[in-house]
Each structure stands twice: as structure tokens, then as C-alpha cells.
PDB file of all heavy atoms in Angstrom:
ATOM      1  N   LYS A   1     187.646 151.666 104.593  1.00  0.00           N
ATOM      2  CA  LYS A   1     189.059 151.390 104.847  1.00  0.00           C
ATOM      3  C   LYS A   1     189.863 151.511 103.568  1.00  0.00           C
ATOM      4  O   LYS A   1     189.474 150.987 102.515  1.00  0.00           O
ATOM      5  CB  LYS A   1     189.191 149.994 105.463  1.00  0.00           C
ATOM      6  CG  LYS A   1     190.451 149.752 106.246  1.00  0.00           C
ATOM      7  CD  LYS A   1     190.393 148.419 106.962  1.00  0.00           C
ATOM      8  CE  LYS A   1     189.342 148.411 108.053  1.00  0.00           C
ATOM      9  NZ  LYS A   1     189.326 147.136 108.817  1.00  0.00           N
ATOM     10  N   GLY A   2     190.987 152.208 103.642  1.00  0.00           N
ATOM     11  CA  GLY A   2     191.828 152.396 102.478  1.00  0.00           C
ATOM     12  C   GLY A   2     191.446 153.588 101.624  1.00  0.00           C
ATOM     13  O   GLY A   2     192.198 153.988 100.729  1.00  0.00           O
ATOM     14  N   ARG A   3     190.274 154.161 101.883  1.00  0.00           N
ATOM     15  CA  ARG A   3     189.819 155.326 101.106  1.00  0.00           C
ATOM     16  C   ARG A   3     189.699 156.583 101.958  1.00  0.00           C
ATOM     17  O   ARG A   3     189.926 157.679 101.463  1.00  0.00           O
ATOM     18  CB  ARG A   3     188.453 155.020 100.468  1.00  0.00           C
ATOM     19  CG  ARG A   3     188.456 153.839  99.530  1.00  0.00           C
ATOM     20  CD  ARG A   3     187.126 153.700  98.799  1.00  0.00           C
ATOM     21  NE  ARG A   3     185.999 153.474  99.700  1.00  0.00           N
ATOM     22  CZ  ARG A   3     184.938 154.282  99.798  1.00  0.00           C
ATOM     23  NH1 ARG A   3     184.857 155.369  99.055  1.00  0.00           N
ATOM     24  NH2 ARG A   3     183.948 153.996 100.635  1.00  0.00           N
ATOM     25  N   PHE A   4     189.329 156.416 103.213  1.00  0.00           N
ATOM     26  CA  PHE A   4     189.141 157.553 104.121  1.00  0.00           C
ATOM     27  C   PHE A   4     190.290 157.603 105.126  1.00  0.00           C
ATOM     28  O   PHE A   4     190.809 156.572 105.549  1.00  0.00           O
ATOM     29  CB  PHE A   4     187.836 157.419 104.904  1.00  0.00           C
ATOM     30  CG  PHE A   4     186.577 157.598 104.094  1.00  0.00           C
ATOM     31  CD1 PHE A   4     186.600 157.660 102.713  1.00  0.00           C
ATOM     32  CD2 PHE A   4     185.349 157.703 104.744  1.00  0.00           C
ATOM     33  CE1 PHE A   4     185.432 157.817 101.982  1.00  0.00           C
ATOM     34  CE2 PHE A   4     184.170 157.868 104.034  1.00  0.00           C
ATOM     35  CZ  PHE A   4     184.219 157.921 102.640  1.00  0.00           C
ATOM     36  N   THR A   5     190.665 158.825 105.506  1.00  0.00           N
ATOM     37  CA  THR A   5     191.687 159.024 106.530  1.00  0.00           C
ATOM     38  C   THR A   5     191.185 160.042 107.538  1.00  0.00           C
ATOM     39  O   THR A   5     190.861 161.180 107.166  1.00  0.00           O
ATOM     40  CB  THR A   5     193.005 159.510 105.916  1.00  0.00           C
ATOM     41  OG1 THR A   5     193.459 158.568 104.941  1.00  0.00           O
ATOM     42  CG2 THR A   5     194.068 159.659 106.995  1.00  0.00           C
ATOM     43  N   ILE A   6     191.141 159.642 108.793  1.00  0.00           N
ATOM     44  CA  ILE A   6     190.714 160.534 109.862  1.00  0.00           C
ATOM     45  C   ILE A   6     191.949 161.090 110.560  1.00  0.00           C
ATOM     46  O   ILE A   6     192.948 160.380 110.732  1.00  0.00           O
ATOM     47  CB  ILE A   6     189.785 159.789 110.860  1.00  0.00           C
ATOM     48  CG1 ILE A   6     189.167 160.760 111.861  1.00  0.00           C
ATOM     49  CG2 ILE A   6     190.516 158.656 111.547  1.00  0.00           C
ATOM     50  CD1 ILE A   6     188.094 160.109 112.737  1.00  0.00           C
ATOM     51  N   SER A   7     191.883 162.361 110.935  1.00  0.00           N
ATOM     52  CA  SER A   7     192.996 162.975 111.657  1.00  0.00           C
ATOM     53  C   SER A   7     192.436 164.072 112.556  1.00  0.00           C
ATOM     54  O   SER A   7     191.271 164.445 112.440  1.00  0.00           O
ATOM     55  CB  SER A   7     194.027 163.553 110.688  1.00  0.00           C
ATOM     56  OG  SER A   7     193.452 164.546 109.861  1.00  0.00           O
ATOM     57  N   ARG A   8     193.291 164.557 113.449  1.00  0.00           N
ATOM     58  CA  ARG A   8     192.836 165.590 114.370  1.00  0.00           C
ATOM     59  C   ARG A   8     193.982 166.515 114.733  1.00  0.00           C
ATOM     60  O   ARG A   8     195.142 166.117 114.707  1.00  0.00           O
ATOM     61  CB  ARG A   8     192.240 164.977 115.629  1.00  0.00           C
ATOM     62  CG  ARG A   8     193.231 164.207 116.475  1.00  0.00           C
ATOM     63  CD  ARG A   8     192.528 163.376 117.543  1.00  0.00           C
ATOM     64  NE  ARG A   8     191.834 164.195 118.529  1.00  0.00           N
ATOM     65  CZ  ARG A   8     190.951 163.717 119.405  1.00  0.00           C
ATOM     66  NH1 ARG A   8     190.655 162.422 119.405  1.00  0.00           N
ATOM     67  NH2 ARG A   8     190.372 164.523 120.276  1.00  0.00           N
ATOM     68  N   ASP A   9     193.610 167.749 115.073  1.00  0.00           N
ATOM     69  CA  ASP A   9     194.569 168.739 115.559  1.00  0.00           C
ATOM     70  C   ASP A   9     194.051 169.190 116.924  1.00  0.00           C
ATOM     71  O   ASP A   9     193.156 170.039 116.994  1.00  0.00           O
ATOM     72  CB  ASP A   9     194.658 169.906 114.574  1.00  0.00           C
ATOM     73  CG  ASP A   9     195.722 170.916 114.959  1.00  0.00           C
ATOM     74  OD1 ASP A   9     196.065 171.011 116.159  1.00  0.00           O
ATOM     75  OD2 ASP A   9     196.195 171.632 114.075  1.00  0.00           O
ATOM     76  N   ASN A  10     194.587 168.620 117.974  1.00  0.00           N
ATOM     77  CA  ASN A  10     194.080 168.922 119.316  1.00  0.00           C
ATOM     78  C   ASN A  10     194.335 170.370 119.723  1.00  0.00           C
ATOM     79  O   ASN A  10     193.594 170.936 120.520  1.00  0.00           O
ATOM     80  CB  ASN A  10     194.695 167.970 120.337  1.00  0.00           C
ATOM     81  CG  ASN A  10     194.135 166.569 120.221  1.00  0.00           C
ATOM     82  OD1 ASN A  10     193.046 166.367 119.682  1.00  0.00           O
ATOM     83  ND2 ASN A  10     194.879 165.595 120.708  1.00  0.00           N
ATOM     84  N   ALA A  11     195.373 170.966 119.194  1.00  0.00           N
ATOM     85  CA  ALA A  11     195.672 172.359 119.535  1.00  0.00           C
ATOM     86  C   ALA A  11     194.605 173.302 118.992  1.00  0.00           C
ATOM     87  O   ALA A  11     194.345 174.358 119.573  1.00  0.00           O
ATOM     88  CB  ALA A  11     197.042 172.748 118.996  1.00  0.00           C
ATOM     89  N   LYS A  12     193.995 172.904 117.879  1.00  0.00           N
ATOM     90  CA  LYS A  12     192.980 173.752 117.244  1.00  0.00           C
ATOM     91  C   LYS A  12     191.559 173.236 117.463  1.00  0.00           C
ATOM     92  O   LYS A  12     190.605 173.850 116.994  1.00  0.00           O
ATOM     93  CB  LYS A  12     193.251 173.844 115.742  1.00  0.00           C
ATOM     94  CG  LYS A  12     194.568 174.505 115.383  1.00  0.00           C
ATOM     95  CD  LYS A  12     194.737 174.577 113.868  1.00  0.00           C
ATOM     96  CE  LYS A  12     196.045 175.271 113.506  1.00  0.00           C
ATOM     97  NZ  LYS A  12     196.240 175.316 112.024  1.00  0.00           N
ATOM     98  N   ASN A  13     191.417 172.118 118.165  1.00  0.00           N
ATOM     99  CA  ASN A  13     190.092 171.509 118.367  1.00  0.00           C
ATOM    100  C   ASN A  13     189.393 171.219 117.043  1.00  0.00           C
ATOM    101  O   ASN A  13     188.193 171.508 116.870  1.00  0.00           O
ATOM    102  CB  ASN A  13     189.205 172.419 119.232  1.00  0.00           C
ATOM    103  CG  ASN A  13     189.434 172.209 120.720  1.00  0.00           C
ATOM    104  OD1 ASN A  13     190.461 171.676 121.120  1.00  0.00           O
ATOM    105  ND2 ASN A  13     188.494 172.643 121.533  1.00  0.00           N
ATOM    106  N   ILE A  14     190.134 170.677 116.095  1.00  0.00           N
ATOM    107  CA  ILE A  14     189.573 170.369 114.781  1.00  0.00           C
ATOM    108  C   ILE A  14     189.892 168.921 114.418  1.00  0.00           C
ATOM    109  O   ILE A  14     190.996 168.435 114.689  1.00  0.00           O
ATOM    110  CB  ILE A  14     190.118 171.306 113.693  1.00  0.00           C
ATOM    111  CG1 ILE A  14     189.715 172.750 113.979  1.00  0.00           C
ATOM    112  CG2 ILE A  14     189.593 170.894 112.318  1.00  0.00           C
ATOM    113  CD1 ILE A  14     190.246 173.743 112.963  1.00  0.00           C
ATOM    114  N   MET A  15     188.933 168.278 113.799  1.00  0.00           N
ATOM    115  CA  MET A  15     189.112 166.917 113.296  1.00  0.00           C
ATOM    116  C   MET A  15     188.803 166.931 111.799  1.00  0.00           C
ATOM    117  O   MET A  15     187.968 167.728 111.348  1.00  0.00           O
ATOM    118  CB  MET A  15     188.169 165.960 114.021  1.00  0.00           C
ATOM    119  CG  MET A  15     188.285 164.512 113.589  1.00  0.00           C
ATOM    120  SD  MET A  15     187.295 163.406 114.612  1.00  0.00           S
ATOM    121  CE  MET A  15     185.631 163.949 114.199  1.00  0.00           C
ATOM    122  N   TYR A  16     189.468 166.056 111.070  1.00  0.00           N
ATOM    123  CA  TYR A  16     189.308 166.013 109.619  1.00  0.00           C
ATOM    124  C   TYR A  16     188.936 164.615 109.158  1.00  0.00           C
ATOM    125  O   TYR A  16     189.216 163.626 109.827  1.00  0.00           O
ATOM    126  CB  TYR A  16     190.611 166.428 108.927  1.00  0.00           C
ATOM    127  CG  TYR A  16     191.122 167.781 109.321  1.00  0.00           C
ATOM    128  CD1 TYR A  16     192.132 167.917 110.269  1.00  0.00           C
ATOM    129  CD2 TYR A  16     190.604 168.937 108.744  1.00  0.00           C
ATOM    130  CE1 TYR A  16     192.605 169.166 110.636  1.00  0.00           C
ATOM    131  CE2 TYR A  16     191.063 170.193 109.105  1.00  0.00           C
ATOM    132  CZ  TYR A  16     192.068 170.300 110.060  1.00  0.00           C
ATOM    133  OH  TYR A  16     192.523 171.533 110.422  1.00  0.00           O
ATOM    134  N   LEU A  17     188.336 164.569 107.969  1.00  0.00           N
ATOM    135  CA  LEU A  17     188.118 163.302 107.295  1.00  0.00           C
ATOM    136  C   LEU A  17     188.442 163.509 105.825  1.00  0.00           C
ATOM    137  O   LEU A  17     187.694 164.182 105.106  1.00  0.00           O
ATOM    138  CB  LEU A  17     186.675 162.809 107.458  1.00  0.00           C
ATOM    139  CG  LEU A  17     186.413 161.418 106.889  1.00  0.00           C
ATOM    140  CD1 LEU A  17     187.165 160.369 107.722  1.00  0.00           C
ATOM    141  CD2 LEU A  17     184.919 161.102 106.882  1.00  0.00           C
ATOM    142  N   GLN A  18     189.563 162.953 105.405  1.00  0.00           N
ATOM    143  CA  GLN A  18     189.939 162.984 104.001  1.00  0.00           C
ATOM    144  C   GLN A  18     189.298 161.787 103.325  1.00  0.00           C
ATOM    145  O   GLN A  18     189.533 160.646 103.724  1.00  0.00           O
ATOM    146  CB  GLN A  18     191.462 162.930 103.854  1.00  0.00           C
ATOM    147  CG  GLN A  18     191.946 162.899 102.418  1.00  0.00           C
ATOM    148  CD  GLN A  18     191.643 164.175 101.667  1.00  0.00           C
ATOM    149  OE1 GLN A  18     191.836 165.274 102.189  1.00  0.00           O
ATOM    150  NE2 GLN A  18     191.172 164.055 100.435  1.00  0.00           N
ATOM    151  N   MET A  19     188.497 162.061 102.312  1.00  0.00           N
ATOM    152  CA  MET A  19     187.757 161.004 101.626  1.00  0.00           C
ATOM    153  C   MET A  19     188.201 160.954 100.171  1.00  0.00           C
ATOM    154  O   MET A  19     188.025 161.928  99.432  1.00  0.00           O
ATOM    155  CB  MET A  19     186.251 161.273 101.714  1.00  0.00           C
ATOM    156  CG  MET A  19     185.747 161.456 103.140  1.00  0.00           C
ATOM    157  SD  MET A  19     183.952 161.561 103.242  1.00  0.00           S
ATOM    158  CE  MET A  19     183.666 163.066 102.324  1.00  0.00           C
ATOM    159  N   ASN A  20     188.777 159.847  99.784  1.00  0.00           N
ATOM    160  CA  ASN A  20     189.239 159.641  98.413  1.00  0.00           C
ATOM    161  C   ASN A  20     188.467 158.501  97.772  1.00  0.00           C
ATOM    162  O   ASN A  20     187.820 157.710  98.469  1.00  0.00           O
ATOM    163  CB  ASN A  20     190.732 159.327  98.412  1.00  0.00           C
ATOM    164  CG  ASN A  20     191.575 160.448  98.977  1.00  0.00           C
ATOM    165  OD1 ASN A  20     191.238 161.623  98.847  1.00  0.00           O
ATOM    166  ND2 ASN A  20     192.685 160.090  99.619  1.00  0.00           N
ATOM    167  N   SER A  21     188.555 158.428  96.462  1.00  0.00           N
ATOM    168  CA  SER A  21     187.889 157.345  95.709  1.00  0.00           C
ATOM    169  C   SER A  21     186.438 157.195  96.148  1.00  0.00           C
ATOM    170  O   SER A  21     185.958 156.079  96.408  1.00  0.00           O
ATOM    171  CB  SER A  21     188.641 156.028  95.909  1.00  0.00           C
ATOM    172  OG  SER A  21     189.978 156.133  95.466  1.00  0.00           O
ATOM    173  N   LEU A  22     185.743 158.308  96.201  1.00  0.00           N
ATOM    174  CA  LEU A  22     184.366 158.296  96.691  1.00  0.00           C
ATOM    175  C   LEU A  22     183.447 157.495  95.782  1.00  0.00           C
ATOM    176  O   LEU A  22     183.627 157.464  94.549  1.00  0.00           O
ATOM    177  CB  LEU A  22     183.857 159.721  96.846  1.00  0.00           C
ATOM    178  CG  LEU A  22     184.376 160.428  98.105  1.00  0.00           C
ATOM    179  CD1 LEU A  22     184.254 161.940  97.982  1.00  0.00           C
ATOM    180  CD2 LEU A  22     183.632 159.928  99.330  1.00  0.00           C
ATOM    181  N   LYS A  23     182.472 156.866  96.400  1.00  0.00           N
ATOM    182  CA  LYS A  23     181.501 156.032  95.699  1.00  0.00           C
ATOM    183  C   LYS A  23     180.093 156.594  95.932  1.00  0.00           C
ATOM    184  O   LYS A  23     179.853 157.268  96.949  1.00  0.00           O
ATOM    185  CB  LYS A  23     181.557 154.605  96.249  1.00  0.00           C
ATOM    186  CG  LYS A  23     182.915 153.944  96.170  1.00  0.00           C
ATOM    187  CD  LYS A  23     182.888 152.577  96.823  1.00  0.00           C
ATOM    188  CE  LYS A  23     184.245 151.899  96.756  1.00  0.00           C
ATOM    189  NZ  LYS A  23     184.212 150.548  97.391  1.00  0.00           N
ATOM    190  N   PRO A  24     179.164 156.291  95.046  1.00  0.00           N
ATOM    191  CA  PRO A  24     177.793 156.765  95.262  1.00  0.00           C
ATOM    192  C   PRO A  24     177.229 156.346  96.616  1.00  0.00           C
ATOM    193  O   PRO A  24     176.455 157.101  97.230  1.00  0.00           O
ATOM    194  CB  PRO A  24     177.027 156.120  94.110  1.00  0.00           C
ATOM    195  CG  PRO A  24     178.046 156.003  93.018  1.00  0.00           C
ATOM    196  CD  PRO A  24     179.322 155.646  93.732  1.00  0.00           C
ATOM    197  N   GLU A  25     177.629 155.188  97.105  1.00  0.00           N
ATOM    198  CA  GLU A  25     177.124 154.725  98.401  1.00  0.00           C
ATOM    199  C   GLU A  25     177.709 155.495  99.585  1.00  0.00           C
ATOM    200  O   GLU A  25     177.291 155.287 100.725  1.00  0.00           O
ATOM    201  CB  GLU A  25     177.379 153.224  98.588  1.00  0.00           C
ATOM    202  CG  GLU A  25     178.800 152.785  98.329  1.00  0.00           C
ATOM    203  CD  GLU A  25     178.998 152.250  96.907  1.00  0.00           C
ATOM    204  OE1 GLU A  25     178.465 152.869  95.940  1.00  0.00           O
ATOM    205  OE2 GLU A  25     179.699 151.217  96.758  1.00  0.00           O
ATOM    206  N   ASP A  26     178.649 156.385  99.336  1.00  0.00           N
ATOM    207  CA  ASP A  26     179.141 157.273 100.391  1.00  0.00           C
ATOM    208  C   ASP A  26     178.239 158.497 100.570  1.00  0.00           C
ATOM    209  O   ASP A  26     178.451 159.288 101.494  1.00  0.00           O
ATOM    210  CB  ASP A  26     180.563 157.747 100.070  1.00  0.00           C
ATOM    211  CG  ASP A  26     181.573 156.620 100.057  1.00  0.00           C
ATOM    212  OD1 ASP A  26     181.505 155.757 100.957  1.00  0.00           O
ATOM    213  OD2 ASP A  26     182.443 156.608  99.163  1.00  0.00           O
ATOM    214  N   THR A  27     177.274 158.652  99.689  1.00  0.00           N
ATOM    215  CA  THR A  27     176.350 159.780  99.800  1.00  0.00           C
ATOM    216  C   THR A  27     175.602 159.739 101.117  1.00  0.00           C
ATOM    217  O   THR A  27     174.967 158.727 101.452  1.00  0.00           O
ATOM    218  CB  THR A  27     175.358 159.766  98.626  1.00  0.00           C
ATOM    219  OG1 THR A  27     176.069 159.983  97.412  1.00  0.00           O
ATOM    220  CG2 THR A  27     174.296 160.846  98.802  1.00  0.00           C
ATOM    221  N   ALA A  28     175.706 160.819 101.876  1.00  0.00           N
ATOM    222  CA  ALA A  28     175.102 160.874 103.212  1.00  0.00           C
ATOM    223  C   ALA A  28     175.345 162.249 103.813  1.00  0.00           C
ATOM    224  O   ALA A  28     176.134 163.041 103.274  1.00  0.00           O
ATOM    225  CB  ALA A  28     175.701 159.809 104.118  1.00  0.00           C
ATOM    226  N   VAL A  29     174.703 162.508 104.927  1.00  0.00           N
ATOM    227  CA  VAL A  29     175.059 163.649 105.754  1.00  0.00           C
ATOM    228  C   VAL A  29     176.083 163.150 106.773  1.00  0.00           C
ATOM    229  O   VAL A  29     175.857 162.134 107.439  1.00  0.00           O
ATOM    230  CB  VAL A  29     173.845 164.247 106.471  1.00  0.00           C
ATOM    231  CG1 VAL A  29     174.274 165.437 107.328  1.00  0.00           C
ATOM    232  CG2 VAL A  29     172.782 164.686 105.463  1.00  0.00           C
ATOM    233  N   TYR A  30     177.200 163.845 106.850  1.00  0.00           N
ATOM    234  CA  TYR A  30     178.293 163.438 107.731  1.00  0.00           C
ATOM    235  C   TYR A  30     178.312 164.323 108.980  1.00  0.00           C
ATOM    236  O   TYR A  30     178.188 165.555 108.887  1.00  0.00           O
ATOM    237  CB  TYR A  30     179.624 163.529 106.993  1.00  0.00           C
ATOM    238  CG  TYR A  30     179.828 162.398 106.017  1.00  0.00           C
ATOM    239  CD1 TYR A  30     179.089 162.334 104.844  1.00  0.00           C
ATOM    240  CD2 TYR A  30     180.739 161.385 106.291  1.00  0.00           C
ATOM    241  CE1 TYR A  30     179.249 161.277 103.957  1.00  0.00           C
ATOM    242  CE2 TYR A  30     180.917 160.323 105.407  1.00  0.00           C
ATOM    243  CZ  TYR A  30     180.162 160.278 104.243  1.00  0.00           C
ATOM    244  OH  TYR A  30     180.323 159.221 103.368  1.00  0.00           O
ATOM    245  N   TYR A  31     178.489 163.670 110.121  1.00  0.00           N
ATOM    246  CA  TYR A  31     178.498 164.341 111.419  1.00  0.00           C
ATOM    247  C   TYR A  31     179.756 163.932 112.197  1.00  0.00           C
ATOM    248  O   TYR A  31     180.307 162.852 111.979  1.00  0.00           O
ATOM    249  CB  TYR A  31     177.302 163.923 112.257  1.00  0.00           C
ATOM    250  CG  TYR A  31     175.946 164.168 111.653  1.00  0.00           C
ATOM    251  CD1 TYR A  31     175.362 163.221 110.812  1.00  0.00           C
ATOM    252  CD2 TYR A  31     175.230 165.319 111.944  1.00  0.00           C
ATOM    253  CE1 TYR A  31     174.107 163.421 110.269  1.00  0.00           C
ATOM    254  CE2 TYR A  31     173.970 165.535 111.408  1.00  0.00           C
ATOM    255  CZ  TYR A  31     173.421 164.579 110.569  1.00  0.00           C
ATOM    256  OH  TYR A  31     172.166 164.795 110.039  1.00  0.00           O
ATOM    257  N   CYS A  32     180.140 164.774 113.112  1.00  0.00           N
ATOM    258  CA  CYS A  32     181.202 164.384 114.035  1.00  0.00           C
ATOM    259  C   CYS A  32     180.637 164.406 115.451  1.00  0.00           C
ATOM    260  O   CYS A  32     179.700 165.144 115.760  1.00  0.00           O
ATOM    261  CB  CYS A  32     182.407 165.310 113.931  1.00  0.00           C
ATOM    262  SG  CYS A  32     182.072 167.046 114.288  1.00  0.00           S
ATOM    263  N   ASN A  33     181.214 163.583 116.304  1.00  0.00           N
ATOM    264  CA  ASN A  33     180.774 163.532 117.691  1.00  0.00           C
ATOM    265  C   ASN A  33     181.732 162.666 118.477  1.00  0.00           C
ATOM    266  O   ASN A  33     182.585 161.964 117.919  1.00  0.00           O
ATOM    267  CB  ASN A  33     179.357 162.968 117.804  1.00  0.00           C
ATOM    268  CG  ASN A  33     178.583 163.537 118.978  1.00  0.00           C
ATOM    269  OD1 ASN A  33     179.107 163.623 120.085  1.00  0.00           O
ATOM    270  ND2 ASN A  33     177.357 163.949 118.737  1.00  0.00           N
ATOM    271  N   ARG A  34     181.583 162.729 119.768  1.00  0.00           N
ATOM    272  CA  ARG A  34     182.337 161.835 120.628  1.00  0.00           C
ATOM    273  C   ARG A  34     181.844 160.408 120.388  1.00  0.00           C
ATOM    274  O   ARG A  34     180.679 160.192 120.055  1.00  0.00           O
ATOM    275  CB  ARG A  34     182.124 162.271 122.087  1.00  0.00           C
ATOM    276  CG  ARG A  34     183.154 161.775 123.036  1.00  0.00           C
ATOM    277  CD  ARG A  34     183.071 162.500 124.363  1.00  0.00           C
ATOM    278  NE  ARG A  34     181.807 162.316 125.048  1.00  0.00           N
ATOM    279  CZ  ARG A  34     181.582 162.738 126.289  1.00  0.00           C
ATOM    280  NH1 ARG A  34     182.542 163.383 126.950  1.00  0.00           N
ATOM    281  NH2 ARG A  34     180.418 162.557 126.853  1.00  0.00           N
ATOM    282  N   VAL A  35     182.709 159.438 120.597  1.00  0.00           N
ATOM    283  CA  VAL A  35     182.326 158.045 120.374  1.00  0.00           C
ATOM    284  C   VAL A  35     181.660 157.468 121.614  1.00  0.00           C
ATOM    285  O   VAL A  35     180.614 156.821 121.519  1.00  0.00           O
ATOM    286  CB  VAL A  35     183.546 157.212 119.951  1.00  0.00           C
ATOM    287  CG1 VAL A  35     183.190 155.727 119.908  1.00  0.00           C
ATOM    288  CG2 VAL A  35     184.050 157.662 118.593  1.00  0.00           C
ATOM    289  N   SER A  36     182.258 157.673 122.765  1.00  0.00           N
ATOM    290  CA  SER A  36     181.688 157.180 124.014  1.00  0.00           C
ATOM    291  C   SER A  36     180.968 158.322 124.710  1.00  0.00           C
ATOM    292  O   SER A  36     181.588 159.290 125.111  1.00  0.00           O
ATOM    293  CB  SER A  36     182.789 156.636 124.913  1.00  0.00           C
ATOM    294  OG  SER A  36     182.255 156.187 126.141  1.00  0.00           O
ATOM    295  N   GLY A  37     179.644 158.209 124.820  1.00  0.00           N
ATOM    296  CA  GLY A  37     178.888 159.306 125.410  1.00  0.00           C
ATOM    297  C   GLY A  37     178.635 160.403 124.401  1.00  0.00           C
ATOM    298  O   GLY A  37     179.149 161.509 124.513  1.00  0.00           O
ATOM    299  N   VAL A  38     177.808 160.071 123.405  1.00  0.00           N
ATOM    300  CA  VAL A  38     177.524 161.017 122.324  1.00  0.00           C
ATOM    301  C   VAL A  38     176.904 162.288 122.887  1.00  0.00           C
ATOM    302  O   VAL A  38     176.035 162.236 123.764  1.00  0.00           O
ATOM    303  CB  VAL A  38     176.588 160.360 121.298  1.00  0.00           C
ATOM    304  CG1 VAL A  38     176.071 161.390 120.309  1.00  0.00           C
ATOM    305  CG2 VAL A  38     177.320 159.251 120.563  1.00  0.00           C
ATOM    306  N   LEU A  39     177.354 163.414 122.382  1.00  0.00           N
ATOM    307  CA  LEU A  39     176.839 164.719 122.799  1.00  0.00           C
ATOM    308  C   LEU A  39     175.847 165.226 121.754  1.00  0.00           C
ATOM    309  O   LEU A  39     175.476 164.501 120.832  1.00  0.00           O
ATOM    310  CB  LEU A  39     177.997 165.676 122.980  1.00  0.00           C
ATOM    311  CG  LEU A  39     179.056 165.223 124.003  1.00  0.00           C
ATOM    312  CD1 LEU A  39     180.279 166.126 123.959  1.00  0.00           C
ATOM    313  CD2 LEU A  39     178.455 165.195 125.404  1.00  0.00           C
ATOM    314  N   GLY A  40     175.416 166.478 121.895  1.00  0.00           N
ATOM    315  CA  GLY A  40     174.478 167.039 120.938  1.00  0.00           C
ATOM    316  C   GLY A  40     175.042 167.045 119.528  1.00  0.00           C
ATOM    317  O   GLY A  40     176.240 167.283 119.327  1.00  0.00           O
ATOM    318  N   TRP A  41     174.186 166.772 118.553  1.00  0.00           N
ATOM    319  CA  TRP A  41     174.635 166.705 117.166  1.00  0.00           C
ATOM    320  C   TRP A  41     174.671 168.080 116.516  1.00  0.00           C
ATOM    321  O   TRP A  41     173.816 168.927 116.785  1.00  0.00           O
ATOM    322  CB  TRP A  41     173.704 165.796 116.353  1.00  0.00           C
ATOM    323  CG  TRP A  41     173.754 164.376 116.800  1.00  0.00           C
ATOM    324  CD1 TRP A  41     172.891 163.741 117.646  1.00  0.00           C
ATOM    325  CD2 TRP A  41     174.751 163.390 116.449  1.00  0.00           C
ATOM    326  NE1 TRP A  41     173.277 162.435 117.839  1.00  0.00           N
ATOM    327  CE2 TRP A  41     174.416 162.195 117.110  1.00  0.00           C
ATOM    328  CE3 TRP A  41     175.888 163.411 115.633  1.00  0.00           C
ATOM    329  CZ2 TRP A  41     175.183 161.033 116.985  1.00  0.00           C
ATOM    330  CZ3 TRP A  41     176.649 162.263 115.511  1.00  0.00           C
ATOM    331  CH2 TRP A  41     176.294 161.097 116.182  1.00  0.00           C
ATOM    332  N   GLY A  42     175.647 168.273 115.660  1.00  0.00           N
ATOM    333  CA  GLY A  42     175.701 169.476 114.837  1.00  0.00           C
ATOM    334  C   GLY A  42     174.758 169.342 113.652  1.00  0.00           C
ATOM    335  O   GLY A  42     173.969 168.393 113.571  1.00  0.00           O
ATOM    336  N   GLN A  43     174.871 170.283 112.721  1.00  0.00           N
ATOM    337  CA  GLN A  43     173.963 170.272 111.579  1.00  0.00           C
ATOM    338  C   GLN A  43     174.412 169.286 110.499  1.00  0.00           C
ATOM    339  O   GLN A  43     173.644 168.942 109.605  1.00  0.00           O
ATOM    340  CB  GLN A  43     173.843 171.680 110.977  1.00  0.00           C
ATOM    341  CG  GLN A  43     174.951 172.068 110.006  1.00  0.00           C
ATOM    342  CD  GLN A  43     176.279 172.351 110.680  1.00  0.00           C
ATOM    343  OE1 GLN A  43     176.370 172.419 111.910  1.00  0.00           O
ATOM    344  NE2 GLN A  43     177.329 172.524 109.890  1.00  0.00           N
ATOM    345  N   GLY A  44     175.648 168.829 110.590  1.00  0.00           N
ATOM    346  CA  GLY A  44     176.172 167.907 109.589  1.00  0.00           C
ATOM    347  C   GLY A  44     176.555 168.622 108.308  1.00  0.00           C
ATOM    348  O   GLY A  44     176.285 169.816 108.110  1.00  0.00           O
ATOM    349  N   THR A  45     177.201 167.874 107.417  1.00  0.00           N
ATOM    350  CA  THR A  45     177.571 168.405 106.102  1.00  0.00           C
ATOM    351  C   THR A  45     177.222 167.348 105.064  1.00  0.00           C
ATOM    352  O   THR A  45     177.558 166.173 105.211  1.00  0.00           O
ATOM    353  CB  THR A  45     179.054 168.817 106.058  1.00  0.00           C
ATOM    354  OG1 THR A  45     179.336 169.449 104.807  1.00  0.00           O
ATOM    355  CG2 THR A  45     179.999 167.643 106.267  1.00  0.00           C
TER     356      THR A  45
END
């Protein structure tokens, strides 16, 4: 909270995550998915 900002562009079917003031504990593979009724996972980044 206060460091990350999530947004979406429904016209383009794209979602974003702006991550600022990153910390070592943010190190991870990041995935996107539906919240209710998770679908197949992508490869992550």
C-alpha cells in the first residue's frame, strides 16, 4: 500500500501494476489472474 498502483484499460484488455520504492522483499514472480474463480496461470514475470 502506498507503493504499488494497479490500473486497467478495458478497451485494450490490459492491466498494469506500477511498482515504486521497491524493496528486496518484493522479489518474486508476478502473475495476473481473475480474483474470483482463478483461471489458468500465465508464465509470470
